[in-house]
PDB file of N, CA and C in Angstrom:
ATOM      1  N   MET A   1       6.178  74.060  -7.337  1.00  0.00           N
ATOM      2  CA  MET A   1       6.089  73.754  -5.927  1.00  0.00           C
ATOM      3  C   MET A   1       6.127  75.066  -5.152  1.00  0.00           C
ATOM      4  N   ARG A   2       5.253  75.174  -4.156  1.00  0.00           N
ATOM      5  CA  ARG A   2       5.199  76.371  -3.316  1.00  0.00           C
ATOM      6  C   ARG A   2       5.048  75.961  -1.858  1.00  0.00           C
ATOM      7  N   ILE A   3       5.443  76.845  -0.961  1.00  0.00           N
ATOM      8  CA  ILE A   3       5.218  76.613   0.465  1.00  0.00           C
ATOM      9  C   ILE A   3       3.872  77.240   0.817  1.00  0.00           C
ATOM     10  N   LYS A   4       2.964  76.450   1.370  1.00  0.00           N
ATOM     11  CA  LYS A   4       1.644  76.938   1.756  1.00  0.00           C
ATOM     12  C   LYS A   4       1.502  77.037   3.275  1.00  0.00           C
ATOM     13  N   ILE A   5       2.075  76.040   3.965  1.00  0.00           N
ATOM     14  CA  ILE A   5       1.970  75.999   5.427  1.00  0.00           C
ATOM     15  C   ILE A   5       3.322  75.600   6.002  1.00  0.00           C
ATOM     16  N   THR A   6       3.715  76.292   7.062  1.00  0.00           N
ATOM     17  CA  THR A   6       4.869  75.895   7.856  1.00  0.00           C
ATOM     18  C   THR A   6       4.401  75.890   9.306  1.00  0.00           C
ATOM     19  N   SER A   7       5.164  75.328  10.201  1.00  0.00           N
ATOM     20  CA  SER A   7       4.649  75.215  11.566  1.00  0.00           C
ATOM     21  C   SER A   7       5.690  75.533  12.620  1.00  0.00           C
ATOM     22  N   VAL A   8       5.187  75.848  13.796  1.00  0.00           N
ATOM     23  CA  VAL A   8       5.990  75.958  15.005  1.00  0.00           C
ATOM     24  C   VAL A   8       5.289  75.130  16.069  1.00  0.00           C
ATOM     25  N   PHE A   9       6.076  74.412  16.851  1.00  0.00           N
ATOM     26  CA  PHE A   9       5.498  73.670  17.964  1.00  0.00           C
ATOM     27  C   PHE A   9       5.176  74.643  19.088  1.00  0.00           C
ATOM     28  N   VAL A  10       4.028  74.459  19.716  1.00  0.00           N
ATOM     29  CA  VAL A  10       3.632  75.315  20.837  1.00  0.00           C
ATOM     30  C   VAL A  10       3.150  74.443  21.982  1.00  0.00           C
ATOM     31  N   LYS A  11       3.381  74.914  23.188  1.00  0.00           N
ATOM     32  CA  LYS A  11       2.975  74.170  24.379  1.00  0.00           C
ATOM     33  C   LYS A  11       1.478  74.267  24.629  1.00  0.00           C
ATOM     34  N   ASP A  12       0.858  75.377  24.247  1.00  0.00           N
ATOM     35  CA  ASP A  12      -0.562  75.628  24.492  1.00  0.00           C
ATOM     36  C   ASP A  12      -1.118  76.388  23.293  1.00  0.00           C
ATOM     37  N   GLN A  13      -2.006  75.751  22.531  1.00  0.00           N
ATOM     38  CA  GLN A  13      -2.499  76.378  21.306  1.00  0.00           C
ATOM     39  C   GLN A  13      -3.272  77.669  21.566  1.00  0.00           C
ATOM     40  N   GLU A  14      -4.072  77.724  22.599  1.00  0.00           N
ATOM     41  CA  GLU A  14      -4.857  78.941  22.862  1.00  0.00           C
ATOM     42  C   GLU A  14      -3.960  80.098  23.280  1.00  0.00           C
ATOM     43  N   LYS A  15      -2.975  79.801  24.124  1.00  0.00           N
ATOM     44  CA  LYS A  15      -2.017  80.837  24.519  1.00  0.00           C
ATOM     45  C   LYS A  15      -1.230  81.315  23.300  1.00  0.00           C
ATOM     46  N   ALA A  16      -0.847  80.382  22.448  1.00  0.00           N
ATOM     47  CA  ALA A  16      -0.114  80.741  21.230  1.00  0.00           C
ATOM     48  C   ALA A  16      -0.977  81.592  20.311  1.00  0.00           C
ATOM     49  N   LEU A  17      -2.239  81.220  20.142  1.00  0.00           N
ATOM     50  CA  LEU A  17      -3.133  82.012  19.290  1.00  0.00           C
ATOM     51  C   LEU A  17      -3.247  83.429  19.812  1.00  0.00           C
ATOM     52  N   GLN A  18      -3.383  83.581  21.107  1.00  0.00           N
ATOM     53  CA  GLN A  18      -3.475  84.916  21.701  1.00  0.00           C
ATOM     54  C   GLN A  18      -2.204  85.716  21.429  1.00  0.00           C
ATOM     55  N   PHE A  19      -1.039  85.109  21.637  1.00  0.00           N
ATOM     56  CA  PHE A  19       0.223  85.818  21.428  1.00  0.00           C
ATOM     57  C   PHE A  19       0.423  86.178  19.953  1.00  0.00           C
ATOM     58  N   TYR A  20       0.208  85.212  19.083  1.00  0.00           N
ATOM     59  CA  TYR A  20       0.471  85.440  17.663  1.00  0.00           C
ATOM     60  C   TYR A  20      -0.530  86.407  17.023  1.00  0.00           C
ATOM     61  N   THR A  21      -1.739  86.505  17.574  1.00  0.00           N
ATOM     62  CA  THR A  21      -2.709  87.450  17.016  1.00  0.00           C
ATOM     63  C   THR A  21      -2.685  88.782  17.755  1.00  0.00           C
ATOM     64  N   GLU A  22      -2.824  88.767  19.071  1.00  0.00           N
ATOM     65  CA  GLU A  22      -2.955  90.010  19.829  1.00  0.00           C
ATOM     66  C   GLU A  22      -1.630  90.765  19.991  1.00  0.00           C
ATOM     67  N   VAL A  23      -0.526  90.052  20.057  1.00  0.00           N
ATOM     68  CA  VAL A  23       0.768  90.711  20.251  1.00  0.00           C
ATOM     69  C   VAL A  23       1.496  90.899  18.919  1.00  0.00           C
ATOM     70  N   LEU A  24       1.646  89.812  18.155  1.00  0.00           N
ATOM     71  CA  LEU A  24       2.386  89.916  16.900  1.00  0.00           C
ATOM     72  C   LEU A  24       1.554  90.533  15.774  1.00  0.00           C
ATOM     73  N   GLY A  25       0.239  90.400  15.857  1.00  0.00           N
ATOM     74  CA  GLY A  25      -0.613  91.034  14.853  1.00  0.00           C
ATOM     75  C   GLY A  25      -1.028  90.149  13.693  1.00  0.00           C
ATOM     76  N   PHE A  26      -0.764  88.841  13.778  1.00  0.00           N
ATOM     77  CA  PHE A  26      -1.238  87.937  12.741  1.00  0.00           C
ATOM     78  C   PHE A  26      -2.750  87.757  12.862  1.00  0.00           C
ATOM     79  N   GLN A  27      -3.359  87.172  11.840  1.00  0.00           N
ATOM     80  CA  GLN A  27      -4.801  86.906  11.844  1.00  0.00           C
ATOM     81  C   GLN A  27      -5.033  85.403  11.833  1.00  0.00           C
ATOM     82  N   LYS A  28      -6.056  84.967  12.570  1.00  0.00           N
ATOM     83  CA  LYS A  28      -6.412  83.550  12.557  1.00  0.00           C
ATOM     84  C   LYS A  28      -6.969  83.205  11.179  1.00  0.00           C
ATOM     85  N   LYS A  29      -6.500  82.106  10.593  1.00  0.00           N
ATOM     86  CA  LYS A  29      -6.960  81.673   9.274  1.00  0.00           C
ATOM     87  C   LYS A  29      -7.821  80.420   9.404  1.00  0.00           C
ATOM     88  N   MET A  30      -7.280  79.378  10.021  1.00  0.00           N
ATOM     89  CA  MET A  30      -8.003  78.117  10.186  1.00  0.00           C
ATOM     90  C   MET A  30      -8.092  77.774  11.665  1.00  0.00           C
ATOM     91  N   ASP A  31      -9.226  77.234  12.054  1.00  0.00           N
ATOM     92  CA  ASP A  31      -9.428  76.797  13.433  1.00  0.00           C
ATOM     93  C   ASP A  31     -10.456  75.673  13.386  1.00  0.00           C
ATOM     94  N   MET A  32      -9.965  74.444  13.273  1.00  0.00           N
ATOM     95  CA  MET A  32     -10.878  73.311  13.201  1.00  0.00           C
ATOM     96  C   MET A  32     -10.361  72.151  14.041  1.00  0.00           C
ATOM     97  N   PRO A  33     -11.275  71.354  14.578  1.00  0.00           N
ATOM     98  CA  PRO A  33     -10.866  70.221  15.414  1.00  0.00           C
ATOM     99  C   PRO A  33      -9.966  69.253  14.654  1.00  0.00           C
ATOM    100  N   ALA A  34      -8.997  68.720  15.369  1.00  0.00           N
ATOM    101  CA  ALA A  34      -8.092  67.702  14.832  1.00  0.00           C
ATOM    102  C   ALA A  34      -7.752  66.757  15.973  1.00  0.00           C
ATOM    103  N   GLY A  35      -8.631  65.839  16.253  1.00  0.00           N
ATOM    104  CA  GLY A  35      -8.435  64.923  17.381  1.00  0.00           C
ATOM    105  C   GLY A  35      -8.566  65.671  18.701  1.00  0.00           C
ATOM    106  N   ASP A  36      -7.574  65.508  19.567  1.00  0.00           N
ATOM    107  CA  ASP A  36      -7.586  66.186  20.866  1.00  0.00           C
ATOM    108  C   ASP A  36      -7.164  67.647  20.765  1.00  0.00           C
ATOM    109  N   PHE A  37      -6.729  68.068  19.595  1.00  0.00           N
ATOM    110  CA  PHE A  37      -6.209  69.418  19.411  1.00  0.00           C
ATOM    111  C   PHE A  37      -6.962  70.116  18.284  1.00  0.00           C
ATOM    112  N   LYS A  38      -6.332  71.109  17.685  1.00  0.00           N
ATOM    113  CA  LYS A  38      -6.922  71.858  16.582  1.00  0.00           C
ATOM    114  C   LYS A  38      -5.942  71.971  15.434  1.00  0.00           C
ATOM    115  N   TRP A  39      -6.488  72.145  14.233  1.00  0.00           N
ATOM    116  CA  TRP A  39      -5.693  72.602  13.096  1.00  0.00           C
ATOM    117  C   TRP A  39      -5.847  74.107  13.151  1.00  0.00           C
ATOM    118  N   LEU A  40      -4.832  74.787  13.655  1.00  0.00           N
ATOM    119  CA  LEU A  40      -4.916  76.202  13.985  1.00  0.00           C
ATOM    120  C   LEU A  40      -3.800  76.954  13.269  1.00  0.00           C
ATOM    121  N   THR A  41      -4.178  77.812  12.314  1.00  0.00           N
ATOM    122  CA  THR A  41      -3.173  78.553  11.568  1.00  0.00           C
ATOM    123  C   THR A  41      -3.432  80.050  11.655  1.00  0.00           C
ATOM    124  N   VAL A  42      -2.352  80.797  11.474  1.00  0.00           N
ATOM    125  CA  VAL A  42      -2.418  82.259  11.409  1.00  0.00           C
ATOM    126  C   VAL A  42      -1.701  82.701  10.136  1.00  0.00           C
ATOM    127  N   VAL A  43      -2.049  83.909   9.685  1.00  0.00           N
ATOM    128  CA  VAL A  43      -1.430  84.501   8.498  1.00  0.00           C
ATOM    129  C   VAL A  43      -1.137  85.965   8.762  1.00  0.00           C
ATOM    130  N   SER A  44      -0.286  86.516   7.929  1.00  0.00           N
ATOM    131  CA  SER A  44      -0.004  87.943   7.991  1.00  0.00           C
ATOM    132  C   SER A  44      -1.200  88.705   7.424  1.00  0.00           C
ATOM    133  N   PRO A  45      -1.632  89.774   8.089  1.00  0.00           N
ATOM    134  CA  PRO A  45      -2.723  90.576   7.523  1.00  0.00           C
ATOM    135  C   PRO A  45      -2.314  91.225   6.199  1.00  0.00           C
ATOM    136  N   GLU A  46      -1.013  91.340   5.967  1.00  0.00           N
ATOM    137  CA  GLU A  46      -0.505  91.901   4.716  1.00  0.00           C
ATOM    138  C   GLU A  46      -0.610  90.899   3.565  1.00  0.00           C
ATOM    139  N   GLU A  47      -0.700  89.604   3.891  1.00  0.00           N
ATOM    140  CA  GLU A  47      -0.809  88.542   2.892  1.00  0.00           C
ATOM    141  C   GLU A  47      -1.786  87.486   3.382  1.00  0.00           C
ATOM    142  N   PRO A  48      -3.095  87.814   3.457  1.00  0.00           N
ATOM    143  CA  PRO A  48      -4.066  86.878   4.012  1.00  0.00           C
ATOM    144  C   PRO A  48      -4.182  85.559   3.246  1.00  0.00           C
ATOM    145  N   ASP A  49      -3.757  85.535   1.989  1.00  0.00           N
ATOM    146  CA  ASP A  49      -3.759  84.292   1.218  1.00  0.00           C
ATOM    147  C   ASP A  49      -2.355  83.730   1.061  1.00  0.00           C
ATOM    148  N   GLY A  50      -1.431  84.257   1.854  1.00  0.00           N
ATOM    149  CA  GLY A  50      -0.037  83.818   1.786  1.00  0.00           C
ATOM    150  C   GLY A  50       0.210  82.590   2.644  1.00  0.00           C
ATOM    151  N   VAL A  51       1.470  82.390   2.995  1.00  0.00           N
ATOM    152  CA  VAL A  51       1.891  81.238   3.788  1.00  0.00           C
ATOM    153  C   VAL A  51       1.211  81.271   5.150  1.00  0.00           C
ATOM    154  N   GLU A  52       0.690  80.123   5.545  1.00  0.00           N
ATOM    155  CA  GLU A  52       0.055  79.985   6.860  1.00  0.00           C
ATOM    156  C   GLU A  52       1.065  79.415   7.856  1.00  0.00           C
ATOM    157  N   LEU A  53       0.979  79.875   9.102  1.00  0.00           N
ATOM    158  CA  LEU A  53       1.807  79.352  10.180  1.00  0.00           C
ATOM    159  C   LEU A  53       0.925  78.477  11.055  1.00  0.00           C
ATOM    160  N   LEU A  54       1.206  77.184  11.074  1.00  0.00           N
ATOM    161  CA  LEU A  54       0.455  76.233  11.884  1.00  0.00           C
ATOM    162  C   LEU A  54       0.985  76.269  13.311  1.00  0.00           C
ATOM    163  N   LEU A  55       0.105  76.528  14.264  1.00  0.00           N
ATOM    164  CA  LEU A  55       0.465  76.497  15.684  1.00  0.00           C
ATOM    165  C   LEU A  55       0.260  75.054  16.137  1.00  0.00           C
ATOM    166  N   GLU A  56       1.298  74.276  15.952  1.00  0.00           N
ATOM    167  CA  GLU A  56       1.244  72.826  16.118  1.00  0.00           C
ATOM    168  C   GLU A  56       1.405  72.421  17.583  1.00  0.00           C
ATOM    169  N   PRO A  57       0.454  71.639  18.098  1.00  0.00           N
ATOM    170  CA  PRO A  57       0.571  71.226  19.506  1.00  0.00           C
ATOM    171  C   PRO A  57       1.806  70.356  19.715  1.00  0.00           C
ATOM    172  N   ASN A  58       2.521  70.656  20.778  1.00  0.00           N
ATOM    173  CA  ASN A  58       3.743  69.930  21.098  1.00  0.00           C
ATOM    174  C   ASN A  58       3.406  68.756  22.006  1.00  0.00           C
ATOM    175  N   ASP A  59       2.823  67.732  21.406  1.00  0.00           N
ATOM    176  CA  ASP A  59       2.384  66.565  22.170  1.00  0.00           C
ATOM    177  C   ASP A  59       3.174  65.324  21.757  1.00  0.00           C
ATOM    178  N   ASN A  60       4.435  65.518  21.396  1.00  0.00           N
ATOM    179  CA  ASN A  60       5.277  64.446  20.907  1.00  0.00           C
ATOM    180  C   ASN A  60       6.625  64.571  21.611  1.00  0.00           C
ATOM    181  N   GLU A  61       7.082  63.507  22.234  1.00  0.00           N
ATOM    182  CA  GLU A  61       8.331  63.577  23.005  1.00  0.00           C
ATOM    183  C   GLU A  61       9.519  63.998  22.153  1.00  0.00           C
ATOM    184  N   ALA A  62       9.610  63.528  20.925  1.00  0.00           N
ATOM    185  CA  ALA A  62      10.727  63.916  20.052  1.00  0.00           C
ATOM    186  C   ALA A  62      10.660  65.406  19.749  1.00  0.00           C
ATOM    187  N   ALA A  63       9.454  65.906  19.505  1.00  0.00           N
ATOM    188  CA  ALA A  63       9.282  67.333  19.216  1.00  0.00           C
ATOM    189  C   ALA A  63       9.624  68.168  20.444  1.00  0.00           C
ATOM    190  N   LYS A  64       9.204  67.714  21.614  1.00  0.00           N
ATOM    191  CA  LYS A  64       9.519  68.442  22.853  1.00  0.00           C
ATOM    192  C   LYS A  64      11.028  68.525  23.065  1.00  0.00           C
ATOM    193  N   THR A  65      11.710  67.407  22.854  1.00  0.00           N
ATOM    194  CA  THR A  65      13.163  67.375  23.023  1.00  0.00           C
ATOM    195  C   THR A  65      13.832  68.346  22.059  1.00  0.00           C
ATOM    196  N   TYR A  66      13.398  68.321  20.805  1.00  0.00           N
ATOM    197  CA  TYR A  66      13.939  69.228  19.786  1.00  0.00           C
ATOM    198  C   TYR A  66      13.677  70.680  20.165  1.00  0.00           C
ATOM    199  N   GLN A  67      12.435  70.994  20.504  1.00  0.00           N
ATOM    200  CA  GLN A  67      12.054  72.370  20.837  1.00  0.00           C
ATOM    201  C   GLN A  67      12.875  72.886  22.028  1.00  0.00           C
ATOM    202  N   GLU A  68      12.969  72.095  23.063  1.00  0.00           N
ATOM    203  CA  GLU A  68      13.704  72.511  24.258  1.00  0.00           C
ATOM    204  C   GLU A  68      15.199  72.664  23.976  1.00  0.00           C
ATOM    205  N   ALA A  69      15.761  71.755  23.182  1.00  0.00           N
ATOM    206  CA  ALA A  69      17.205  71.803  22.904  1.00  0.00           C
ATOM    207  C   ALA A  69      17.579  73.045  22.100  1.00  0.00           C
ATOM    208  N   ILE A  70      16.823  73.357  21.049  1.00  0.00           N
ATOM    209  CA  ILE A  70      17.214  74.531  20.261  1.00  0.00           C
ATOM    210  C   ILE A  70      16.910  75.824  21.011  1.00  0.00           C
ATOM    211  N   TYR A  71      15.885  75.812  21.865  1.00  0.00           N
ATOM    212  CA  TYR A  71      15.609  76.984  22.688  1.00  0.00           C
ATOM    213  C   TYR A  71      16.796  77.235  23.625  1.00  0.00           C
ATOM    214  N   GLU A  72      17.252  76.180  24.295  1.00  0.00           N
ATOM    215  CA  GLU A  72      18.384  76.306  25.229  1.00  0.00           C
ATOM    216  C   GLU A  72      19.653  76.773  24.520  1.00  0.00           C
ATOM    217  N   GLN A  73      19.816  76.425  23.250  1.00  0.00           N
ATOM    218  CA  GLN A  73      20.976  76.842  22.474  1.00  0.00           C
ATOM    219  C   GLN A  73      20.824  78.256  21.926  1.00  0.00           C
ATOM    220  N   GLY A  74      19.640  78.846  22.100  1.00  0.00           N
ATOM    221  CA  GLY A  74      19.400  80.203  21.623  1.00  0.00           C
ATOM    222  C   GLY A  74      19.094  80.290  20.139  1.00  0.00           C
ATOM    223  N   VAL A  75      18.675  79.181  19.548  1.00  0.00           N
ATOM    224  CA  VAL A  75      18.412  79.127  18.107  1.00  0.00           C
ATOM    225  C   VAL A  75      16.939  79.447  17.828  1.00  0.00           C
ATOM    226  N   PRO A  76      16.660  80.436  16.996  1.00  0.00           N
ATOM    227  CA  PRO A  76      15.265  80.739  16.644  1.00  0.00           C
ATOM    228  C   PRO A  76      14.660  79.619  15.802  1.00  0.00           C
ATOM    229  N   ILE A  77      13.389  79.336  16.042  1.00  0.00           N
ATOM    230  CA  ILE A  77      12.678  78.297  15.299  1.00  0.00           C
ATOM    231  C   ILE A  77      12.274  78.774  13.907  1.00  0.00           C
ATOM    232  N   THR A  78      12.057  80.087  13.759  1.00  0.00           N
ATOM    233  CA  THR A  78      11.678  80.655  12.472  1.00  0.00           C
ATOM    234  C   THR A  78      12.023  82.132  12.458  1.00  0.00           C
ATOM    235  N   SER A  79      11.824  82.762  11.319  1.00  0.00           N
ATOM    236  CA  SER A  79      12.136  84.175  11.173  1.00  0.00           C
ATOM    237  C   SER A  79      11.032  84.878  10.408  1.00  0.00           C
ATOM    238  N   PHE A  80      10.676  86.069  10.859  1.00  0.00           N
ATOM    239  CA  PHE A  80       9.678  86.896  10.196  1.00  0.00           C
ATOM    240  C   PHE A  80      10.361  88.171   9.718  1.00  0.00           C
ATOM    241  N   VAL A  81       9.948  88.660   8.572  1.00  0.00           N
ATOM    242  CA  VAL A  81      10.495  89.884   7.998  1.00  0.00           C
ATOM    243  C   VAL A  81       9.630  91.065   8.420  1.00  0.00           C
ATOM    244  N   VAL A  82      10.264  92.167   8.773  1.00  0.00           N
ATOM    245  CA  VAL A  82       9.562  93.397   9.139  1.00  0.00           C
ATOM    246  C   VAL A  82      10.112  94.551   8.304  1.00  0.00           C
ATOM    247  N   ASP A  83       9.294  95.580   8.146  1.00  0.00           N
ATOM    248  CA  ASP A  83       9.712  96.742   7.353  1.00  0.00           C
ATOM    249  C   ASP A  83      10.628  97.683   8.133  1.00  0.00           C
ATOM    250  N   ASP A  84      10.368  97.816   9.446  1.00  0.00           N
ATOM    251  CA  ASP A  84      11.146  98.724  10.289  1.00  0.00           C
ATOM    252  C   ASP A  84      11.431  98.009  11.607  1.00  0.00           C
ATOM    253  N   ILE A  85      12.586  97.399  11.694  1.00  0.00           N
ATOM    254  CA  ILE A  85      12.892  96.558  12.853  1.00  0.00           C
ATOM    255  C   ILE A  85      12.927  97.349  14.154  1.00  0.00           C
ATOM    256  N   HIS A  86      13.395  98.583  14.108  1.00  0.00           N
ATOM    257  CA  HIS A  86      13.471  99.360  15.344  1.00  0.00           C
ATOM    258  C   HIS A  86      12.074  99.724  15.851  1.00  0.00           C
ATOM    259  N   ALA A  87      11.177 100.073  14.954  1.00  0.00           N
ATOM    260  CA  ALA A  87       9.795 100.368  15.346  1.00  0.00           C
ATOM    261  C   ALA A  87       9.106  99.106  15.859  1.00  0.00           C
ATOM    262  N   GLU A  88       9.342  97.980  15.195  1.00  0.00           N
ATOM    263  CA  GLU A  88       8.723  96.720  15.623  1.00  0.00           C
ATOM    264  C   GLU A  88       9.281  96.277  16.968  1.00  0.00           C
ATOM    265  N   TYR A  89      10.567  96.453  17.168  1.00  0.00           N
ATOM    266  CA  TYR A  89      11.195  96.130  18.446  1.00  0.00           C
ATOM    267  C   TYR A  89      10.537  96.945  19.565  1.00  0.00           C
ATOM    268  N   GLU A  90      10.374  98.235  19.360  1.00  0.00           N
ATOM    269  CA  GLU A  90       9.748  99.085  20.372  1.00  0.00           C
ATOM    270  C   GLU A  90       8.290  98.699  20.608  1.00  0.00           C
ATOM    271  N   ARG A  91       7.567  98.407  19.528  1.00  0.00           N
ATOM    272  CA  ARG A  91       6.158  98.006  19.658  1.00  0.00           C
ATOM    273  C   ARG A  91       6.043  96.732  20.486  1.00  0.00           C
ATOM    274  N   LEU A  92       6.884  95.754  20.191  1.00  0.00           N
ATOM    275  CA  LEU A  92       6.837  94.488  20.929  1.00  0.00           C
ATOM    276  C   LEU A  92       7.300  94.662  22.371  1.00  0.00           C
ATOM    277  N   LYS A  93       8.321  95.482  22.601  1.00  0.00           N
ATOM    278  CA  LYS A  93       8.747  95.762  23.979  1.00  0.00           C
ATOM    279  C   LYS A  93       7.602  96.378  24.778  1.00  0.00           C
ATOM    280  N   ASN A  94       6.808  97.246  24.134  1.00  0.00           N
ATOM    281  CA  ASN A  94       5.654  97.857  24.797  1.00  0.00           C
ATOM    282  C   ASN A  94       4.565  96.842  25.120  1.00  0.00           C
ATOM    283  N   HIS A  95       4.617  95.664  24.475  1.00  0.00           N
ATOM    284  CA  HIS A  95       3.701  94.555  24.773  1.00  0.00           C
ATOM    285  C   HIS A  95       4.356  93.558  25.728  1.00  0.00           C
ATOM    286  N   ASN A  96       5.457  93.976  26.349  1.00  0.00           N
ATOM    287  CA  ASN A  96       6.197  93.153  27.320  1.00  0.00           C
ATOM    288  C   ASN A  96       6.804  91.892  26.723  1.00  0.00           C
ATOM    289  N   VAL A  97       7.119  91.925  25.432  1.00  0.00           N
ATOM    290  CA  VAL A  97       7.812  90.805  24.805  1.00  0.00           C
ATOM    291  C   VAL A  97       9.268  90.837  25.259  1.00  0.00           C
ATOM    292  N   GLU A  98       9.780  89.667  25.637  1.00  0.00           N
ATOM    293  CA  GLU A  98      11.156  89.565  26.106  1.00  0.00           C
ATOM    294  C   GLU A  98      12.084  89.204  24.962  1.00  0.00           C
ATOM    295  N   PHE A  99      13.074  90.044  24.735  1.00  0.00           N
ATOM    296  CA  PHE A  99      14.062  89.819  23.684  1.00  0.00           C
ATOM    297  C   PHE A  99      15.313  89.185  24.275  1.00  0.00           C
ATOM    298  N   THR A 100      15.847  88.189  23.579  1.00  0.00           N
ATOM    299  CA  THR A 100      17.122  87.590  23.970  1.00  0.00           C
ATOM    300  C   THR A 100      18.261  88.242  23.202  1.00  0.00           C
ATOM    301  N   VAL A 101      17.934  88.843  22.043  1.00  0.00           N
ATOM    302  CA  VAL A 101      18.906  89.598  21.253  1.00  0.00           C
ATOM    303  C   VAL A 101      18.219  90.873  20.789  1.00  0.00           C
ATOM    304  N   GLU A 102      18.774  92.014  21.173  1.00  0.00           N
ATOM    305  CA  GLU A 102      18.238  93.302  20.717  1.00  0.00           C
ATOM    306  C   GLU A 102      18.675  93.524  19.275  1.00  0.00           C
ATOM    307  N   PRO A 103      18.053  94.464  18.549  1.00  0.00           N
ATOM    308  CA  PRO A 103      18.422  94.670  17.151  1.00  0.00           C
ATOM    309  C   PRO A 103      19.937  94.802  16.971  1.00  0.00           C
ATOM    310  N   ALA A 104      20.445  93.980  16.050  1.00  0.00           N
ATOM    311  CA  ALA A 104      21.879  93.940  15.766  1.00  0.00           C
ATOM    312  C   ALA A 104      22.071  93.791  14.259  1.00  0.00           C
ATOM    313  N   GLU A 105      23.133  94.413  13.765  1.00  0.00           N
ATOM    314  CA  GLU A 105      23.435  94.339  12.339  1.00  0.00           C
ATOM    315  C   GLU A 105      24.409  93.198  12.081  1.00  0.00           C
ATOM    316  N   THR A 106      24.112  92.441  11.036  1.00  0.00           N
ATOM    317  CA  THR A 106      25.018  91.397  10.591  1.00  0.00           C
ATOM    318  C   THR A 106      24.831  91.213   9.094  1.00  0.00           C
ATOM    319  N   GLY A 107      25.908  91.314   8.369  1.00  0.00           N
ATOM    320  CA  GLY A 107      25.807  91.206   6.919  1.00  0.00           C
ATOM    321  C   GLY A 107      24.800  92.213   6.384  1.00  0.00           C
ATOM    322  N   PRO A 108      23.912  91.765   5.506  1.00  0.00           N
ATOM    323  CA  PRO A 108      22.952  92.686   4.883  1.00  0.00           C
ATOM    324  C   PRO A 108      21.654  92.892   5.668  1.00  0.00           C
ATOM    325  N   VAL A 109      21.576  92.367   6.896  1.00  0.00           N
ATOM    326  CA  VAL A 109      20.329  92.475   7.657  1.00  0.00           C
ATOM    327  C   VAL A 109      20.558  93.005   9.063  1.00  0.00           C
ATOM    328  N   THR A 110      19.483  93.528   9.622  1.00  0.00           N
ATOM    329  CA  THR A 110      19.411  93.827  11.049  1.00  0.00           C
ATOM    330  C   THR A 110      18.405  92.830  11.606  1.00  0.00           C
ATOM    331  N   PHE A 111      18.720  92.206  12.729  1.00  0.00           N
ATOM    332  CA  PHE A 111      17.828  91.192  13.288  1.00  0.00           C
ATOM    333  C   PHE A 111      17.720  91.352  14.794  1.00  0.00           C
ATOM    334  N   ALA A 112      16.685  90.729  15.353  1.00  0.00           N
ATOM    335  CA  ALA A 112      16.486  90.645  16.798  1.00  0.00           C
ATOM    336  C   ALA A 112      15.807  89.304  17.065  1.00  0.00           C
ATOM    337  N   ILE A 113      15.916  88.817  18.289  1.00  0.00           N
ATOM    338  CA  ILE A 113      15.319  87.528  18.653  1.00  0.00           C
ATOM    339  C   ILE A 113      14.522  87.702  19.938  1.00  0.00           C
ATOM    340  N   PHE A 114      13.293  87.150  19.940  1.00  0.00           N
ATOM    341  CA  PHE A 114      12.441  87.239  21.117  1.00  0.00           C
ATOM    342  C   PHE A 114      11.827  85.882  21.466  1.00  0.00           C
ATOM    343  N   ASP A 115      11.320  85.800  22.691  1.00  0.00           N
ATOM    344  CA  ASP A 115      10.649  84.612  23.221  1.00  0.00           C
ATOM    345  C   ASP A 115       9.162  84.738  22.921  1.00  0.00           C
ATOM    346  N   ASP A 116       8.581  83.708  22.291  1.00  0.00           N
ATOM    347  CA  ASP A 116       7.153  83.772  21.939  1.00  0.00           C
ATOM    348  C   ASP A 116       6.226  83.316  23.065  1.00  0.00           C
ATOM    349  N   THR A 117       6.739  83.047  24.237  1.00  0.00           N
ATOM    350  CA  THR A 117       5.994  82.597  25.426  1.00  0.00           C
ATOM    351  C   THR A 117       5.401  81.199  25.261  1.00  0.00           C
ATOM    352  N   CYS A 118       5.714  80.522  24.161  1.00  0.00           N
ATOM    353  CA  CYS A 118       5.141  79.206  23.864  1.00  0.00           C
ATOM    354  C   CYS A 118       6.220  78.146  23.681  1.00  0.00           C
ATOM    355  N   GLY A 119       7.467  78.479  24.112  1.00  0.00           N
ATOM    356  CA  GLY A 119       8.558  77.525  24.025  1.00  0.00           C
ATOM    357  C   GLY A 119       9.519  77.755  22.880  1.00  0.00           C
ATOM    358  N   ASN A 120       9.382  78.900  22.176  1.00  0.00           N
ATOM    359  CA  ASN A 120      10.210  79.144  21.004  1.00  0.00           C
ATOM    360  C   ASN A 120      10.895  80.501  21.054  1.00  0.00           C
ATOM    361  N   LEU A 121      12.021  80.575  20.360  1.00  0.00           N
ATOM    362  CA  LEU A 121      12.645  81.847  20.072  1.00  0.00           C
ATOM    363  C   LEU A 121      12.322  82.162  18.614  1.00  0.00           C
ATOM    364  N   ILE A 122      11.963  83.411  18.356  1.00  0.00           N
ATOM    365  CA  ILE A 122      11.577  83.868  17.018  1.00  0.00           C
ATOM    366  C   ILE A 122      12.510  85.003  16.632  1.00  0.00           C
ATOM    367  N   GLN A 123      12.987  84.970  15.404  1.00  0.00           N
ATOM    368  CA  GLN A 123      13.826  86.046  14.883  1.00  0.00           C
ATOM    369  C   GLN A 123      12.978  86.960  13.994  1.00  0.00           C
ATOM    370  N   ILE A 124      13.214  88.248  14.106  1.00  0.00           N
ATOM    371  CA  ILE A 124      12.652  89.203  13.154  1.00  0.00           C
ATOM    372  C   ILE A 124      13.846  89.852  12.464  1.00  0.00           C
ATOM    373  N   SER A 125      13.665  90.180  11.184  1.00  0.00           N
ATOM    374  CA  SER A 125      14.775  90.787  10.469  1.00  0.00           C
ATOM    375  C   SER A 125      14.291  91.797   9.450  1.00  0.00           C
ATOM    376  N   GLN A 126      15.207  92.693   9.109  1.00  0.00           N
ATOM    377  CA  GLN A 126      14.961  93.716   8.102  1.00  0.00           C
ATOM    378  C   GLN A 126      16.212  93.822   7.244  1.00  0.00           C
ATOM    379  N   ALA A 127      16.014  93.759   5.926  1.00  0.00           N
ATOM    380  CA  ALA A 127      17.141  93.963   5.022  1.00  0.00           C
ATOM    381  C   ALA A 127      17.583  95.417   5.092  1.00  0.00           C
ATOM    382  N   ARG A 128      18.911  95.622   5.025  1.00  0.00           N
ATOM    383  CA  ARG A 128      19.434  96.990   5.042  1.00  0.00           C
ATOM    384  C   ARG A 128      19.685  97.484   3.656  1.00  0.00           C
TER     385      ARG A 128
END
């Protein structure tokens, strides 16, 4: 058993695609119609055949409630690994990304949390 696709709920798929590709640096993998929305995934350019992130439209009241509640609690929806968290933090700050937690050390990792502009908090981390 392997993980092939995971997802994050987004308020606007096109805005999310722009943020996840132009700001975070992911690459679009799939973009096909799925009813009123799209099956829209991105991947890491470092692993183009790796795990895909589905930018899932948030068109479900239960999903909206969940997304809003964990955002308000400051809980990240997912986490991405980076090689140099301080360099990535500076790069994202230069793209006007808003961080709710600046790089901080805890246990064996350094992490930071930012707003993806699509209704989610995202954590980035680097093993120490």
